[in-house]
Amino acid sequence: IIKALEDVQNYIKNRDWFDSLESEKQLSDKTKKPIERAVFQNFTTILKDEKILLTPHDLRKIYATICWYRLTRCKGSFTAYAATLLGHSYQSKVSGKIRPDTRTAESYDKFRITE
């Protein structure tokens, strides 16, 4: 995963339109449509229902679902697992402990594994 992230970052940095002085938002705006197009072209063919349009964020949802299914065999709360896996957490004001942000992770409960 780390190598893949480095590959994506290097790919973007080597584009002639890349400007290191741009903000993250500006870069995000530039790359949003090409990324959506790449996701659509490469992932929609695996879906049986062609009416589903995947977004790049859906890939995170699919990843969380697959990991929960394969690594935990669906034991425990999906939202707590997804929050931990994908880095959604907060620090409790009462105990000071880091807790999974299950409210944010509820949006990840979109896909199901079927046999």
N, C-alpha and C. Protein backbone atom coordinates (compact mmCIF):
# COMPACT_ATOMS: atom_id res chain seq x y z
N ILE A 1 0.84 -1.18 0.00
CA ILE A 1 0.00 0.00 0.00
C ILE A 1 0.88 1.25 0.00
N ILE A 2 1.94 1.24 0.83
CA ILE A 2 2.83 2.39 0.90
C ILE A 2 3.53 2.60 -0.45
N LYS A 3 3.96 1.52 -1.08
CA LYS A 3 4.61 1.62 -2.39
C LYS A 3 3.63 2.16 -3.43
N ALA A 4 2.38 1.69 -3.40
CA ALA A 4 1.38 2.17 -4.34
C ALA A 4 1.12 3.66 -4.15
N LEU A 5 1.06 4.11 -2.90
CA LEU A 5 0.87 5.53 -2.62
C LEU A 5 2.05 6.35 -3.16
N GLU A 6 3.26 5.86 -2.94
CA GLU A 6 4.44 6.55 -3.47
C GLU A 6 4.40 6.62 -5.00
N ASP A 7 3.97 5.54 -5.64
CA ASP A 7 3.86 5.52 -7.10
C ASP A 7 2.87 6.57 -7.59
N VAL A 8 1.73 6.68 -6.92
CA VAL A 8 0.72 7.67 -7.31
C VAL A 8 1.27 9.08 -7.10
N GLN A 9 1.91 9.31 -5.95
CA GLN A 9 2.47 10.64 -5.68
C GLN A 9 3.54 11.01 -6.71
N ASN A 10 4.41 10.07 -7.05
CA ASN A 10 5.44 10.33 -8.06
C ASN A 10 4.82 10.58 -9.42
N TYR A 11 3.80 9.83 -9.76
CA TYR A 11 3.11 10.02 -11.04
C TYR A 11 2.57 11.45 -11.13
N ILE A 12 1.90 11.89 -10.07
CA ILE A 12 1.32 13.23 -10.07
C ILE A 12 2.42 14.29 -10.13
N LYS A 13 3.47 14.12 -9.34
CA LYS A 13 4.55 15.11 -9.31
C LYS A 13 5.27 15.23 -10.65
N ASN A 14 5.22 14.19 -11.48
CA ASN A 14 5.90 14.20 -12.76
C ASN A 14 5.02 14.66 -13.92
N ARG A 15 3.79 15.07 -13.64
CA ARG A 15 2.92 15.61 -14.69
C ARG A 15 3.33 17.05 -14.97
N ASP A 16 3.23 17.46 -16.24
CA ASP A 16 3.62 18.83 -16.57
C ASP A 16 2.70 19.88 -15.97
N TRP A 17 1.50 19.49 -15.56
CA TRP A 17 0.57 20.46 -14.95
C TRP A 17 0.77 20.58 -13.44
N PHE A 18 1.65 19.74 -12.85
CA PHE A 18 1.85 19.77 -11.40
C PHE A 18 2.63 21.02 -10.98
N ASP A 19 2.18 21.67 -9.93
CA ASP A 19 2.86 22.84 -9.36
C ASP A 19 2.93 22.65 -7.85
N SER A 20 4.14 22.50 -7.32
CA SER A 20 4.30 22.23 -5.89
C SER A 20 3.83 23.38 -5.00
N LEU A 21 3.59 24.54 -5.57
CA LEU A 21 3.12 25.68 -4.79
C LEU A 21 1.60 25.70 -4.65
N GLU A 22 0.92 24.82 -5.36
CA GLU A 22 -0.54 24.77 -5.27
C GLU A 22 -0.97 24.14 -3.95
N SER A 23 -2.14 24.53 -3.50
CA SER A 23 -2.69 23.94 -2.27
C SER A 23 -3.20 22.54 -2.56
N GLU A 24 -3.44 21.80 -1.48
CA GLU A 24 -4.00 20.45 -1.63
C GLU A 24 -5.36 20.51 -2.32
N LYS A 25 -6.15 21.53 -2.02
CA LYS A 25 -7.49 21.70 -2.64
C LYS A 25 -7.34 21.93 -4.14
N GLN A 26 -6.40 22.77 -4.54
CA GLN A 26 -6.20 23.02 -5.97
C GLN A 26 -5.78 21.75 -6.69
N LEU A 27 -4.89 20.99 -6.08
CA LEU A 27 -4.45 19.74 -6.67
C LEU A 27 -5.60 18.74 -6.75
N SER A 28 -6.39 18.69 -5.69
CA SER A 28 -7.55 17.81 -5.67
C SER A 28 -8.53 18.17 -6.78
N ASP A 29 -8.77 19.46 -6.96
CA ASP A 29 -9.68 19.91 -8.03
C ASP A 29 -9.17 19.50 -9.41
N LYS A 30 -7.86 19.56 -9.62
CA LYS A 30 -7.28 19.19 -10.91
C LYS A 30 -7.38 17.69 -11.18
N THR A 31 -7.23 16.89 -10.13
CA THR A 31 -7.16 15.44 -10.33
C THR A 31 -8.50 14.73 -10.18
N LYS A 32 -9.50 15.42 -9.68
CA LYS A 32 -10.77 14.75 -9.38
C LYS A 32 -11.38 14.06 -10.60
N LYS A 33 -11.57 14.78 -11.68
CA LYS A 33 -12.21 14.20 -12.87
C LYS A 33 -11.39 13.06 -13.48
N PRO A 34 -10.06 13.22 -13.67
CA PRO A 34 -9.29 12.09 -14.22
C PRO A 34 -9.35 10.85 -13.33
N ILE A 35 -9.33 11.04 -12.01
CA ILE A 35 -9.40 9.89 -11.11
C ILE A 35 -10.77 9.23 -11.21
N GLU A 36 -11.83 10.03 -11.23
CA GLU A 36 -13.17 9.46 -11.37
C GLU A 36 -13.28 8.68 -12.68
N ARG A 37 -12.72 9.22 -13.75
CA ARG A 37 -12.77 8.54 -15.05
C ARG A 37 -12.01 7.22 -14.99
N ALA A 38 -10.84 7.21 -14.34
CA ALA A 38 -10.04 5.98 -14.22
C ALA A 38 -10.78 4.94 -13.39
N VAL A 39 -11.41 5.35 -12.31
CA VAL A 39 -12.18 4.42 -11.48
C VAL A 39 -13.32 3.83 -12.30
N PHE A 40 -14.02 4.69 -13.02
CA PHE A 40 -15.16 4.22 -13.83
C PHE A 40 -14.68 3.21 -14.88
N GLN A 41 -13.61 3.53 -15.59
CA GLN A 41 -13.12 2.65 -16.66
C GLN A 41 -12.58 1.33 -16.15
N ASN A 42 -11.97 1.33 -14.98
CA ASN A 42 -11.29 0.13 -14.51
C ASN A 42 -12.06 -0.73 -13.52
N PHE A 43 -13.08 -0.18 -12.90
CA PHE A 43 -13.76 -0.94 -11.86
C PHE A 43 -15.22 -1.24 -12.15
N THR A 44 -15.87 -0.47 -13.00
CA THR A 44 -17.29 -0.73 -13.22
C THR A 44 -17.53 -2.03 -13.96
N THR A 45 -16.53 -2.53 -14.67
CA THR A 45 -16.71 -3.79 -15.40
C THR A 45 -16.86 -4.98 -14.47
N ILE A 46 -16.41 -4.86 -13.21
CA ILE A 46 -16.52 -5.99 -12.30
C ILE A 46 -17.88 -6.04 -11.59
N LEU A 47 -18.68 -5.00 -11.77
CA LEU A 47 -19.98 -4.96 -11.11
C LEU A 47 -21.04 -5.58 -12.00
N LYS A 48 -21.91 -6.35 -11.40
CA LYS A 48 -22.97 -6.98 -12.17
C LYS A 48 -24.06 -5.98 -12.53
N ASP A 49 -24.35 -5.05 -11.64
CA ASP A 49 -25.37 -4.04 -11.88
C ASP A 49 -24.71 -2.82 -12.49
N GLU A 50 -24.86 -2.65 -13.79
CA GLU A 50 -24.16 -1.57 -14.48
C GLU A 50 -24.70 -0.19 -14.14
N LYS A 51 -25.75 -0.10 -13.36
CA LYS A 51 -26.30 1.19 -12.98
C LYS A 51 -25.51 1.82 -11.84
N ILE A 52 -24.61 1.06 -11.22
CA ILE A 52 -23.81 1.59 -10.12
C ILE A 52 -22.62 2.34 -10.70
N LEU A 53 -22.44 3.59 -10.27
CA LEU A 53 -21.27 4.36 -10.64
C LEU A 53 -20.38 4.47 -9.41
N LEU A 54 -19.17 3.98 -9.53
CA LEU A 54 -18.24 4.03 -8.41
C LEU A 54 -17.54 5.36 -8.35
N THR A 55 -17.24 5.80 -7.16
CA THR A 55 -16.41 6.98 -6.94
C THR A 55 -15.10 6.51 -6.34
N PRO A 56 -14.07 7.35 -6.37
CA PRO A 56 -12.83 6.97 -5.70
C PRO A 56 -13.06 6.66 -4.21
N HIS A 57 -13.97 7.37 -3.57
CA HIS A 57 -14.26 7.11 -2.16
C HIS A 57 -14.89 5.72 -1.98
N ASP A 58 -15.63 5.26 -2.99
CA ASP A 58 -16.20 3.91 -2.93
C ASP A 58 -15.11 2.84 -2.84
N LEU A 59 -13.94 3.11 -3.41
CA LEU A 59 -12.86 2.13 -3.32
C LEU A 59 -12.43 1.94 -1.86
N ARG A 60 -12.46 3.00 -1.06
CA ARG A 60 -12.17 2.88 0.37
C ARG A 60 -13.24 2.04 1.05
N LYS A 61 -14.49 2.23 0.64
CA LYS A 61 -15.60 1.46 1.22
C LYS A 61 -15.47 -0.02 0.87
N ILE A 62 -15.12 -0.29 -0.37
CA ILE A 62 -14.93 -1.68 -0.80
C ILE A 62 -13.76 -2.31 -0.06
N TYR A 63 -12.67 -1.58 0.05
CA TYR A 63 -11.49 -2.06 0.77
C TYR A 63 -11.83 -2.42 2.21
N ALA A 64 -12.55 -1.53 2.90
CA ALA A 64 -12.94 -1.78 4.29
C ALA A 64 -13.82 -3.01 4.39
N THR A 65 -14.75 -3.16 3.47
CA THR A 65 -15.66 -4.31 3.48
C THR A 65 -14.90 -5.61 3.27
N ILE A 66 -13.99 -5.62 2.30
CA ILE A 66 -13.21 -6.83 2.01
C ILE A 66 -12.32 -7.19 3.20
N CYS A 67 -11.66 -6.20 3.78
CA CYS A 67 -10.80 -6.47 4.95
C CYS A 67 -11.62 -7.01 6.11
N TRP A 68 -12.77 -6.41 6.38
CA TRP A 68 -13.63 -6.86 7.49
C TRP A 68 -14.05 -8.30 7.26
N TYR A 69 -14.43 -8.61 6.04
CA TYR A 69 -14.88 -9.96 5.70
C TYR A 69 -13.72 -10.97 5.78
N ARG A 70 -12.60 -10.64 5.15
CA ARG A 70 -11.50 -11.60 5.06
C ARG A 70 -10.66 -11.70 6.32
N LEU A 71 -10.46 -10.57 6.99
CA LEU A 71 -9.56 -10.59 8.15
C LEU A 71 -10.25 -10.86 9.47
N THR A 72 -11.53 -10.50 9.58
CA THR A 72 -12.24 -10.71 10.85
C THR A 72 -13.36 -11.73 10.74
N ARG A 73 -13.65 -12.14 9.51
CA ARG A 73 -14.79 -13.03 9.27
C ARG A 73 -16.08 -12.43 9.81
N CYS A 74 -16.19 -11.10 9.66
CA CYS A 74 -17.40 -10.33 10.03
C CYS A 74 -17.68 -10.35 11.53
N LYS A 75 -16.66 -10.51 12.32
CA LYS A 75 -16.85 -10.47 13.77
C LYS A 75 -16.70 -9.03 14.25
N GLY A 76 -17.54 -8.63 15.17
CA GLY A 76 -17.49 -7.28 15.71
C GLY A 76 -18.21 -6.28 14.82
N SER A 77 -18.17 -5.05 15.22
CA SER A 77 -18.86 -3.97 14.53
C SER A 77 -18.09 -3.55 13.27
N PHE A 78 -18.80 -3.54 12.15
CA PHE A 78 -18.16 -3.08 10.91
C PHE A 78 -17.73 -1.62 11.02
N THR A 79 -18.60 -0.77 11.58
CA THR A 79 -18.27 0.66 11.63
C THR A 79 -17.05 0.92 12.52
N ALA A 80 -16.94 0.22 13.62
CA ALA A 80 -15.76 0.38 14.48
C ALA A 80 -14.51 -0.11 13.75
N TYR A 81 -14.63 -1.24 13.05
CA TYR A 81 -13.50 -1.78 12.30
C TYR A 81 -13.08 -0.82 11.18
N ALA A 82 -14.06 -0.35 10.41
CA ALA A 82 -13.77 0.56 9.29
C ALA A 82 -13.14 1.85 9.80
N ALA A 83 -13.65 2.37 10.90
CA ALA A 83 -13.08 3.61 11.47
C ALA A 83 -11.62 3.42 11.83
N THR A 84 -11.31 2.30 12.46
CA THR A 84 -9.93 2.02 12.87
C THR A 84 -9.05 1.79 11.64
N LEU A 85 -9.52 0.98 10.72
CA LEU A 85 -8.76 0.64 9.51
C LEU A 85 -8.44 1.88 8.68
N LEU A 86 -9.40 2.77 8.55
CA LEU A 86 -9.25 3.91 7.65
C LEU A 86 -8.84 5.20 8.35
N GLY A 87 -8.53 5.09 9.63
CA GLY A 87 -7.97 6.23 10.33
C GLY A 87 -8.96 7.28 10.80
N HIS A 88 -10.21 6.89 11.02
CA HIS A 88 -11.21 7.83 11.54
C HIS A 88 -11.32 7.62 13.05
N SER A 89 -10.80 8.57 13.81
CA SER A 89 -10.84 8.45 15.25
C SER A 89 -10.89 9.84 15.89
N TYR A 90 -11.13 9.84 17.18
CA TYR A 90 -11.13 11.08 17.94
C TYR A 90 -10.62 10.77 19.34
N GLN A 91 -10.22 11.80 20.04
CA GLN A 91 -9.75 11.63 21.41
C GLN A 91 -10.89 11.97 22.35
N SER A 92 -11.23 11.01 23.21
CA SER A 92 -12.30 11.20 24.19
C SER A 92 -11.95 12.34 25.13
N LYS A 93 -12.89 13.27 25.30
CA LYS A 93 -12.67 14.38 26.23
C LYS A 93 -12.68 13.91 27.67
N VAL A 94 -13.37 12.80 27.94
CA VAL A 94 -13.48 12.29 29.30
C VAL A 94 -12.26 11.47 29.69
N SER A 95 -11.95 10.44 28.89
CA SER A 95 -10.86 9.52 29.26
C SER A 95 -9.53 9.86 28.61
N GLY A 96 -9.56 10.65 27.54
CA GLY A 96 -8.33 10.96 26.82
C GLY A 96 -7.91 9.87 25.86
N LYS A 97 -8.65 8.76 25.83
CA LYS A 97 -8.31 7.64 24.95
C LYS A 97 -8.74 7.94 23.51
N ILE A 98 -8.03 7.33 22.58
CA ILE A 98 -8.40 7.44 21.17
C ILE A 98 -9.50 6.42 20.90
N ARG A 99 -10.60 6.89 20.35
CA ARG A 99 -11.76 6.04 20.05
C ARG A 99 -12.06 6.05 18.56
N PRO A 100 -12.58 4.95 18.03
CA PRO A 100 -12.97 4.95 16.61
C PRO A 100 -14.18 5.87 16.40
N ASP A 101 -14.14 6.66 15.34
CA ASP A 101 -15.24 7.56 15.00
C ASP A 101 -16.25 6.78 14.16
N THR A 102 -17.15 6.09 14.84
CA THR A 102 -18.11 5.23 14.14
C THR A 102 -19.14 6.04 13.37
N ARG A 103 -19.38 7.27 13.79
CA ARG A 103 -20.35 8.11 13.07
C ARG A 103 -19.86 8.37 11.65
N THR A 104 -18.59 8.74 11.52
CA THR A 104 -18.02 8.95 10.18
C THR A 104 -18.01 7.64 9.40
N ALA A 105 -17.66 6.56 10.07
CA ALA A 105 -17.52 5.26 9.40
C ALA A 105 -18.87 4.68 8.96
N GLU A 106 -19.97 5.19 9.46
CA GLU A 106 -21.28 4.69 9.02
C GLU A 106 -21.45 4.85 7.52
N SER A 107 -20.83 5.86 6.94
CA SER A 107 -20.95 6.07 5.49
C SER A 107 -20.21 4.99 4.70
N TYR A 108 -19.37 4.20 5.37
CA TYR A 108 -18.63 3.14 4.68
C TYR A 108 -19.45 1.86 4.55
N ASP A 109 -20.57 1.78 5.20
CA ASP A 109 -21.41 0.59 5.17
C ASP A 109 -22.30 0.62 3.93
N LYS A 110 -21.69 0.38 2.77
CA LYS A 110 -22.40 0.48 1.49
C LYS A 110 -22.41 -0.82 0.72
N PHE A 111 -21.36 -1.62 0.85
CA PHE A 111 -21.20 -2.82 0.04
C PHE A 111 -21.31 -4.08 0.90
N ARG A 112 -21.65 -5.19 0.28
CA ARG A 112 -21.73 -6.49 0.94
C ARG A 112 -20.98 -7.52 0.11
N ILE A 113 -20.42 -8.49 0.78
CA ILE A 113 -19.78 -9.61 0.11
C ILE A 113 -20.81 -10.69 -0.10
N THR A 114 -20.92 -11.16 -1.32
CA THR A 114 -21.83 -12.27 -1.60
C THR A 114 -21.03 -13.46 -2.08
N GLU A 115 -21.49 -14.60 -1.76
CA GLU A 115 -20.77 -15.83 -2.14
C GLU A 115 -21.15 -16.24 -3.54
